[in-house]
Amino acid sequence: MNKSQMIELLKTDVPAWNQWREENPEAVIDLSGADLSYANLIRANFIRATLDNVNFNYANLGGADLFGAHFNGDAFDNAYLRGVNFFTNTEVK
């Protein structure tokens, strides 16, 4: 699945996205620069995804899993973040 297909699937059908992620655990997920503003991303699986400069403004990320994801320069203005897993797989020192 290419980047634009990934973004479209996320915007339209998070359960199908999560199922695809489960079926393709080795897939490289790089959504850098994506515009996911206003998207309904409840419980979306972003585990170990690259999310640099993603626009999450006004997105609903309730319960999304960002475990081990890399994000830098992202925009989260007015995003709903309740229950989001921001923990990383790196050891805290």
N, C-alpha and C. Protein backbone atom coordinates (compact mmCIF):
# COMPACT_ATOMS: atom_id res chain seq x y z
N MET A 1 0.86 -1.17 0.00
CA MET A 1 0.00 0.00 0.00
C MET A 1 0.91 1.23 0.00
N ASN A 2 0.64 2.16 -0.90
CA ASN A 2 1.47 3.37 -0.93
C ASN A 2 0.94 4.41 0.07
N LYS A 3 1.70 5.47 0.23
CA LYS A 3 1.39 6.48 1.24
C LYS A 3 0.01 7.10 1.06
N SER A 4 -0.35 7.47 -0.16
CA SER A 4 -1.66 8.11 -0.37
C SER A 4 -2.80 7.12 -0.08
N GLN A 5 -2.60 5.84 -0.36
CA GLN A 5 -3.62 4.83 -0.04
C GLN A 5 -3.75 4.67 1.47
N MET A 6 -2.61 4.71 2.18
CA MET A 6 -2.64 4.62 3.63
C MET A 6 -3.43 5.78 4.23
N ILE A 7 -3.15 6.97 3.76
CA ILE A 7 -3.82 8.16 4.28
C ILE A 7 -5.32 8.09 4.01
N GLU A 8 -5.70 7.70 2.81
CA GLU A 8 -7.12 7.60 2.46
C GLU A 8 -7.82 6.56 3.33
N LEU A 9 -7.17 5.42 3.54
CA LEU A 9 -7.77 4.38 4.39
C LEU A 9 -7.94 4.89 5.81
N LEU A 10 -6.93 5.56 6.34
CA LEU A 10 -7.04 6.12 7.69
C LEU A 10 -8.19 7.11 7.81
N LYS A 11 -8.36 7.95 6.82
CA LYS A 11 -9.40 8.97 6.86
C LYS A 11 -10.80 8.38 6.72
N THR A 12 -10.92 7.22 6.10
CA THR A 12 -12.25 6.69 5.80
C THR A 12 -12.66 5.47 6.61
N ASP A 13 -11.68 4.68 7.09
CA ASP A 13 -12.04 3.42 7.74
C ASP A 13 -10.94 2.95 8.69
N VAL A 14 -10.92 3.50 9.89
CA VAL A 14 -9.89 3.14 10.87
C VAL A 14 -9.92 1.65 11.21
N PRO A 15 -11.08 1.01 11.40
CA PRO A 15 -11.06 -0.43 11.68
C PRO A 15 -10.38 -1.23 10.55
N ALA A 16 -10.61 -0.86 9.30
CA ALA A 16 -9.94 -1.54 8.18
C ALA A 16 -8.45 -1.26 8.21
N TRP A 17 -8.06 -0.02 8.56
CA TRP A 17 -6.64 0.33 8.70
C TRP A 17 -5.99 -0.55 9.76
N ASN A 18 -6.64 -0.67 10.92
CA ASN A 18 -6.09 -1.47 12.01
C ASN A 18 -5.98 -2.94 11.61
N GLN A 19 -6.95 -3.45 10.90
CA GLN A 19 -6.90 -4.82 10.43
C GLN A 19 -5.73 -5.01 9.45
N TRP A 20 -5.56 -4.06 8.54
CA TRP A 20 -4.45 -4.12 7.59
C TRP A 20 -3.11 -4.12 8.34
N ARG A 21 -3.01 -3.28 9.36
CA ARG A 21 -1.77 -3.23 10.17
C ARG A 21 -1.51 -4.57 10.84
N GLU A 22 -2.55 -5.21 11.38
CA GLU A 22 -2.38 -6.52 12.01
C GLU A 22 -1.93 -7.57 11.00
N GLU A 23 -2.45 -7.49 9.79
CA GLU A 23 -2.12 -8.47 8.75
C GLU A 23 -0.78 -8.19 8.09
N ASN A 24 -0.24 -6.99 8.27
CA ASN A 24 1.03 -6.58 7.66
C ASN A 24 1.95 -5.96 8.70
N PRO A 25 2.34 -6.72 9.72
CA PRO A 25 3.10 -6.14 10.82
C PRO A 25 4.48 -5.62 10.42
N GLU A 26 5.02 -6.09 9.32
CA GLU A 26 6.34 -5.65 8.89
C GLU A 26 6.30 -4.45 7.94
N ALA A 27 5.11 -3.99 7.60
CA ALA A 27 4.98 -2.85 6.68
C ALA A 27 5.60 -1.60 7.29
N VAL A 28 6.33 -0.87 6.48
CA VAL A 28 6.92 0.40 6.91
C VAL A 28 5.85 1.47 6.75
N ILE A 29 5.56 2.15 7.85
CA ILE A 29 4.52 3.18 7.86
C ILE A 29 5.19 4.54 7.98
N ASP A 30 5.19 5.28 6.89
CA ASP A 30 5.75 6.63 6.88
C ASP A 30 4.68 7.57 6.34
N LEU A 31 4.06 8.29 7.27
CA LEU A 31 2.99 9.22 6.91
C LEU A 31 3.47 10.67 7.02
N SER A 32 4.77 10.88 6.94
CA SER A 32 5.33 12.22 7.08
C SER A 32 4.65 13.20 6.14
N GLY A 33 4.30 14.35 6.71
CA GLY A 33 3.70 15.41 5.92
C GLY A 33 2.22 15.24 5.63
N ALA A 34 1.59 14.18 6.12
CA ALA A 34 0.17 13.93 5.84
C ALA A 34 -0.71 14.98 6.51
N ASP A 35 -1.82 15.28 5.86
CA ASP A 35 -2.83 16.16 6.44
C ASP A 35 -3.96 15.29 6.97
N LEU A 36 -3.94 15.05 8.28
CA LEU A 36 -4.99 14.28 8.93
C LEU A 36 -5.85 15.17 9.81
N SER A 37 -5.86 16.46 9.50
CA SER A 37 -6.68 17.40 10.26
C SER A 37 -8.15 17.02 10.11
N TYR A 38 -8.87 17.17 11.21
CA TYR A 38 -10.30 16.88 11.29
C TYR A 38 -10.64 15.40 11.09
N ALA A 39 -9.65 14.54 10.98
CA ALA A 39 -9.92 13.11 10.77
C ALA A 39 -10.38 12.45 12.07
N ASN A 40 -11.24 11.46 11.92
CA ASN A 40 -11.71 10.67 13.04
C ASN A 40 -10.81 9.44 13.13
N LEU A 41 -9.83 9.49 14.01
CA LEU A 41 -8.80 8.47 14.10
C LEU A 41 -8.87 7.70 15.43
N ILE A 42 -10.08 7.53 15.93
CA ILE A 42 -10.28 6.85 17.21
C ILE A 42 -9.69 5.45 17.16
N ARG A 43 -8.81 5.17 18.14
CA ARG A 43 -8.15 3.87 18.31
C ARG A 43 -7.30 3.45 17.10
N ALA A 44 -6.82 4.41 16.33
CA ALA A 44 -5.96 4.09 15.19
C ALA A 44 -4.62 3.54 15.66
N ASN A 45 -4.11 2.57 14.92
CA ASN A 45 -2.83 1.94 15.22
C ASN A 45 -1.73 2.67 14.46
N PHE A 46 -0.95 3.47 15.19
CA PHE A 46 0.21 4.17 14.63
C PHE A 46 1.50 3.61 15.21
N ILE A 47 1.46 2.38 15.71
CA ILE A 47 2.63 1.79 16.36
C ILE A 47 3.83 1.80 15.41
N ARG A 48 4.93 2.37 15.90
CA ARG A 48 6.21 2.46 15.19
C ARG A 48 6.11 3.16 13.83
N ALA A 49 5.13 4.00 13.65
CA ALA A 49 4.99 4.75 12.40
C ALA A 49 5.86 6.01 12.45
N THR A 50 6.27 6.47 11.28
CA THR A 50 6.95 7.75 11.17
C THR A 50 5.88 8.78 10.83
N LEU A 51 5.75 9.77 11.71
CA LEU A 51 4.67 10.75 11.61
C LEU A 51 5.21 12.18 11.61
N ASP A 52 6.38 12.39 11.07
CA ASP A 52 6.97 13.73 11.08
C ASP A 52 6.12 14.72 10.29
N ASN A 53 5.90 15.88 10.90
CA ASN A 53 5.18 16.99 10.27
C ASN A 53 3.76 16.63 9.82
N VAL A 54 3.11 15.73 10.56
CA VAL A 54 1.72 15.40 10.27
C VAL A 54 0.82 16.46 10.89
N ASN A 55 -0.21 16.86 10.17
CA ASN A 55 -1.19 17.81 10.67
C ASN A 55 -2.33 17.04 11.32
N PHE A 56 -2.36 17.02 12.65
CA PHE A 56 -3.43 16.39 13.41
C PHE A 56 -4.39 17.43 13.99
N ASN A 57 -4.34 18.66 13.51
CA ASN A 57 -5.20 19.71 14.05
C ASN A 57 -6.67 19.29 13.95
N TYR A 58 -7.37 19.42 15.07
CA TYR A 58 -8.79 19.11 15.18
C TYR A 58 -9.12 17.64 14.93
N ALA A 59 -8.13 16.78 14.88
CA ALA A 59 -8.37 15.34 14.69
C ALA A 59 -8.80 14.72 16.01
N ASN A 60 -9.58 13.66 15.92
CA ASN A 60 -9.98 12.89 17.09
C ASN A 60 -9.07 11.66 17.15
N LEU A 61 -8.12 11.69 18.07
CA LEU A 61 -7.17 10.60 18.25
C LEU A 61 -7.46 9.80 19.51
N GLY A 62 -8.67 9.89 20.00
CA GLY A 62 -9.03 9.21 21.24
C GLY A 62 -8.66 7.74 21.20
N GLY A 63 -7.83 7.32 22.16
CA GLY A 63 -7.45 5.93 22.28
C GLY A 63 -6.46 5.43 21.23
N ALA A 64 -5.94 6.33 20.40
CA ALA A 64 -4.98 5.91 19.37
C ALA A 64 -3.70 5.40 20.02
N ASP A 65 -3.01 4.49 19.31
CA ASP A 65 -1.78 3.91 19.84
C ASP A 65 -0.59 4.43 19.04
N LEU A 66 0.21 5.28 19.68
CA LEU A 66 1.41 5.86 19.07
C LEU A 66 2.68 5.25 19.67
N PHE A 67 2.56 4.05 20.23
CA PHE A 67 3.71 3.39 20.85
C PHE A 67 4.86 3.27 19.86
N GLY A 68 6.00 3.82 20.23
CA GLY A 68 7.19 3.72 19.40
C GLY A 68 7.16 4.56 18.13
N ALA A 69 6.13 5.38 17.96
CA ALA A 69 6.04 6.22 16.76
C ALA A 69 7.04 7.36 16.85
N HIS A 70 7.48 7.83 15.70
CA HIS A 70 8.40 8.96 15.65
C HIS A 70 7.63 10.15 15.08
N PHE A 71 7.57 11.21 15.85
CA PHE A 71 6.92 12.41 15.33
C PHE A 71 7.72 13.63 15.74
N ASN A 72 7.86 14.53 14.79
CA ASN A 72 8.64 15.74 14.98
C ASN A 72 7.98 16.84 14.15
N GLY A 73 7.65 17.93 14.78
CA GLY A 73 7.05 19.04 14.05
C GLY A 73 5.57 18.86 13.76
N ASP A 74 4.92 17.93 14.46
CA ASP A 74 3.50 17.68 14.23
C ASP A 74 2.65 18.79 14.83
N ALA A 75 1.47 18.96 14.28
CA ALA A 75 0.53 19.96 14.78
C ALA A 75 -0.65 19.24 15.43
N PHE A 76 -0.89 19.54 16.70
CA PHE A 76 -1.98 18.92 17.45
C PHE A 76 -2.97 19.96 17.98
N ASP A 77 -3.05 21.13 17.38
CA ASP A 77 -3.95 22.18 17.86
C ASP A 77 -5.39 21.67 17.88
N ASN A 78 -6.02 21.78 19.04
CA ASN A 78 -7.41 21.40 19.24
C ASN A 78 -7.69 19.95 18.89
N ALA A 79 -6.68 19.11 18.92
CA ALA A 79 -6.88 17.67 18.69
C ALA A 79 -7.40 17.03 19.98
N TYR A 80 -8.23 16.01 19.83
CA TYR A 80 -8.73 15.27 20.98
C TYR A 80 -7.76 14.13 21.23
N LEU A 81 -7.13 14.14 22.43
CA LEU A 81 -6.04 13.21 22.71
C LEU A 81 -6.30 12.31 23.92
N ARG A 82 -7.52 12.25 24.39
CA ARG A 82 -7.82 11.44 25.57
C ARG A 82 -7.54 9.96 25.30
N GLY A 83 -6.76 9.35 26.17
CA GLY A 83 -6.48 7.92 26.08
C GLY A 83 -5.43 7.54 25.06
N VAL A 84 -4.74 8.53 24.49
CA VAL A 84 -3.70 8.24 23.50
C VAL A 84 -2.48 7.65 24.20
N ASN A 85 -1.92 6.60 23.61
CA ASN A 85 -0.69 6.00 24.13
C ASN A 85 0.48 6.66 23.42
N PHE A 86 1.16 7.58 24.11
CA PHE A 86 2.34 8.26 23.57
C PHE A 86 3.64 7.59 24.02
N PHE A 87 3.55 6.54 24.81
CA PHE A 87 4.77 5.91 25.31
C PHE A 87 5.58 5.36 24.16
N THR A 88 6.89 5.40 24.34
CA THR A 88 7.79 4.88 23.31
C THR A 88 8.44 3.61 23.81
N ASN A 89 9.08 2.92 22.90
CA ASN A 89 9.76 1.69 23.30
C ASN A 89 11.21 1.95 23.69
N THR A 90 11.57 3.21 23.88
CA THR A 90 12.92 3.54 24.33
C THR A 90 12.92 3.63 25.84
N GLU A 91 13.99 3.22 26.44
CA GLU A 91 14.11 3.20 27.89
C GLU A 91 14.30 4.62 28.42
N VAL A 92 13.52 4.98 29.41
CA VAL A 92 13.64 6.28 30.05
C VAL A 92 14.81 6.23 31.03
N LYS A 93 15.69 7.22 30.96
CA LYS A 93 16.86 7.24 31.85
C LYS A 93 16.77 8.38 32.82
